[in-house]
Structures are given as C-alpha cells and as structure tokens.
C-alpha cells in the first residue's frame, strides 16, 4: 500500500481550495489510479480522509466529500471502460 503520508499529500492538495485546479486534478487522478489499481482500498481512503470528512469547517468538509465522490465515480467509470470519463 502507498505510504499514508503520500496519500495524505494528494488528499490535502485536492481539499486545499487555494491550490490550482491543475494541482487538484492531478491529485484526484493519482488517487483514482491508486484506488483503481488496488494500491489503496476505498475503506483506507475513507479512513485517511476522516479529519476532512468530519471537520466543522464547511469548506474543507465539502471539498473532502467532493473528493471522495469524484474518486469513487471516476474509479467506477474507468473500471467499466465508460466513454464519459475524460
């Protein structure tokens, strides 16, 4: 499995709204790749994201939820070979 610190860096890059959209997209793509290739399980991703999903900061929590939703959607779309993923 990928070191938690590496995964956390990608999570933080996506959740941090001050990062560029290019950085956020690259982090999302990396996380999707890790999940799709079974390097990181969905449950370990959720555990690693705990503080972002339970924080009282609405913006950070919303970005965490968005990351989780996007990562799951993109993982399933890629796995299914669907043409809607770009």
C-alpha atoms as a PDB file:
ATOM      1  CA  UNK A   1       0.000   0.000   0.000  1.00  0.00           C
ATOM      2  CA  UNK A   2       1.102   3.587  -0.592  1.00  0.00           C
ATOM      3  CA  UNK A   3       2.519   5.331   2.449  1.00  0.00           C
ATOM      4  CA  UNK A   4      -0.213   7.269   4.228  1.00  0.00           C
ATOM      5  CA  UNK A   5       1.863  10.437   4.018  1.00  0.00           C
ATOM      6  CA  UNK A   6       1.875  10.258   0.201  1.00  0.00           C
ATOM      7  CA  UNK A   7      -1.871   9.648   0.114  1.00  0.00           C
ATOM      8  CA  UNK A   8      -2.427  12.438   2.628  1.00  0.00           C
ATOM      9  CA  UNK A   9      -0.437  14.835   0.444  1.00  0.00           C
ATOM     10  CA  UNK A  10      -2.721  14.109  -2.504  1.00  0.00           C
ATOM     11  CA  UNK A  11      -5.822  14.485  -0.340  1.00  0.00           C
ATOM     12  CA  UNK A  12      -4.575  17.789   1.063  1.00  0.00           C
ATOM     13  CA  UNK A  13      -3.728  19.054  -2.399  1.00  0.00           C
ATOM     14  CA  UNK A  14      -7.299  18.442  -3.568  1.00  0.00           C
ATOM     15  CA  UNK A  15      -9.006  19.725  -0.416  1.00  0.00           C
ATOM     16  CA  UNK A  16      -6.930  22.931  -0.272  1.00  0.00           C
ATOM     17  CA  UNK A  17      -9.027  25.422  -2.203  1.00  0.00           C
ATOM     18  CA  UNK A  18      -6.009  27.727  -2.637  1.00  0.00           C
ATOM     19  CA  UNK A  19      -4.286  25.149  -4.872  1.00  0.00           C
ATOM     20  CA  UNK A  20      -4.594  25.500  -8.613  1.00  0.00           C
ATOM     21  CA  UNK A  21      -7.202  23.452 -10.426  1.00  0.00           C
ATOM     22  CA  UNK A  22      -4.338  21.714 -12.245  1.00  0.00           C
ATOM     23  CA  UNK A  23      -2.813  20.568  -8.942  1.00  0.00           C
ATOM     24  CA  UNK A  24      -6.215  19.450  -7.658  1.00  0.00           C
ATOM     25  CA  UNK A  25      -6.942  17.490 -10.831  1.00  0.00           C
ATOM     26  CA  UNK A  26      -3.517  15.816 -10.739  1.00  0.00           C
ATOM     27  CA  UNK A  27      -4.083  14.769  -7.124  1.00  0.00           C
ATOM     28  CA  UNK A  28      -7.528  13.422  -7.959  1.00  0.00           C
ATOM     29  CA  UNK A  29      -6.133  11.451 -10.901  1.00  0.00           C
ATOM     30  CA  UNK A  30      -3.438   9.969  -8.683  1.00  0.00           C
ATOM     31  CA  UNK A  31      -5.956   8.952  -6.016  1.00  0.00           C
ATOM     32  CA  UNK A  32      -8.241   7.411  -8.649  1.00  0.00           C
ATOM     33  CA  UNK A  33      -5.311   5.482 -10.075  1.00  0.00           C
ATOM     34  CA  UNK A  34      -4.351   4.190  -6.621  1.00  0.00           C
ATOM     35  CA  UNK A  35      -7.918   3.017  -5.945  1.00  0.00           C
ATOM     36  CA  UNK A  36      -8.419   1.553  -9.417  1.00  0.00           C
ATOM     37  CA  UNK A  37      -5.150  -0.393  -9.229  1.00  0.00           C
ATOM     38  CA  UNK A  38      -5.940  -1.690  -5.716  1.00  0.00           C
ATOM     39  CA  UNK A  39      -2.943   0.089  -4.197  1.00  0.00           C
ATOM     40  CA  UNK A  40      -5.356   1.882  -1.847  1.00  0.00           C
ATOM     41  CA  UNK A  41      -8.699   0.440  -0.821  1.00  0.00           C
ATOM     42  CA  UNK A  42     -11.796   2.592  -0.604  1.00  0.00           C
ATOM     43  CA  UNK A  43     -12.015   1.923   3.135  1.00  0.00           C
ATOM     44  CA  UNK A  44      -8.393   3.021   3.680  1.00  0.00           C
ATOM     45  CA  UNK A  45      -9.071   6.150   1.628  1.00  0.00           C
ATOM     46  CA  UNK A  46     -12.077   6.980   3.808  1.00  0.00           C
ATOM     47  CA  UNK A  47     -10.044   6.332   6.979  1.00  0.00           C
ATOM     48  CA  UNK A  48      -7.270   8.575   5.717  1.00  0.00           C
ATOM     49  CA  UNK A  49      -9.825  11.278   4.907  1.00  0.00           C
ATOM     50  CA  UNK A  50     -11.524  11.127   8.316  1.00  0.00           C
ATOM     51  CA  UNK A  51     -10.444  14.577   9.520  1.00  0.00           C
ATOM     52  CA  UNK A  52     -11.516  16.172   6.217  1.00  0.00           C
ATOM     53  CA  UNK A  53     -14.916  14.473   6.286  1.00  0.00           C
ATOM     54  CA  UNK A  54     -15.685  15.298   9.925  1.00  0.00           C
ATOM     55  CA  UNK A  55     -14.234  18.782  10.343  1.00  0.00           C
ATOM     56  CA  UNK A  56     -16.503  21.632  11.398  1.00  0.00           C
ATOM     57  CA  UNK A  57     -15.022  23.786   8.601  1.00  0.00           C
ATOM     58  CA  UNK A  58     -17.728  23.653   5.959  1.00  0.00           C
ATOM     59  CA  UNK A  59     -15.412  24.377   3.030  1.00  0.00           C
ATOM     60  CA  UNK A  60     -12.877  21.688   3.922  1.00  0.00           C
ATOM     61  CA  UNK A  61     -15.616  19.148   4.662  1.00  0.00           C
ATOM     62  CA  UNK A  62     -17.341  19.935   1.350  1.00  0.00           C
ATOM     63  CA  UNK A  63     -14.063  19.551  -0.559  1.00  0.00           C
ATOM     64  CA  UNK A  64     -13.432  16.240   1.233  1.00  0.00           C
ATOM     65  CA  UNK A  65     -16.868  14.948   0.303  1.00  0.00           C
ATOM     66  CA  UNK A  66     -16.345  16.133  -3.277  1.00  0.00           C
ATOM     67  CA  UNK A  67     -13.003  14.325  -3.440  1.00  0.00           C
ATOM     68  CA  UNK A  68     -14.500  11.095  -2.180  1.00  0.00           C
ATOM     69  CA  UNK A  69     -17.429  11.312  -4.604  1.00  0.00           C
ATOM     70  CA  UNK A  70     -15.236  12.180  -7.585  1.00  0.00           C
ATOM     71  CA  UNK A  71     -12.730   9.449  -6.757  1.00  0.00           C
ATOM     72  CA  UNK A  72     -15.449   6.804  -6.457  1.00  0.00           C
ATOM     73  CA  UNK A  73     -17.237   7.924  -9.609  1.00  0.00           C
ATOM     74  CA  UNK A  74     -14.067   8.083 -11.679  1.00  0.00           C
ATOM     75  CA  UNK A  75     -12.855   4.722 -10.354  1.00  0.00           C
ATOM     76  CA  UNK A  76     -16.096   3.015 -11.342  1.00  0.00           C
ATOM     77  CA  UNK A  77     -16.289   4.749 -14.709  1.00  0.00           C
ATOM     78  CA  UNK A  78     -12.691   3.801 -15.532  1.00  0.00           C
ATOM     79  CA  UNK A  79     -13.264   0.235 -14.342  1.00  0.00           C
ATOM     80  CA  UNK A  80     -16.341  -0.048 -16.547  1.00  0.00           C
ATOM     81  CA  UNK A  81     -14.487   1.402 -19.536  1.00  0.00           C
ATOM     82  CA  UNK A  82     -17.146   4.036 -19.985  1.00  0.00           C
ATOM     83  CA  UNK A  83     -16.633   6.720 -22.582  1.00  0.00           C
ATOM     84  CA  UNK A  84     -17.777   9.590 -20.326  1.00  0.00           C
ATOM     85  CA  UNK A  85     -14.504   9.841 -18.430  1.00  0.00           C
ATOM     86  CA  UNK A  86     -12.084  12.287 -19.960  1.00  0.00           C
END
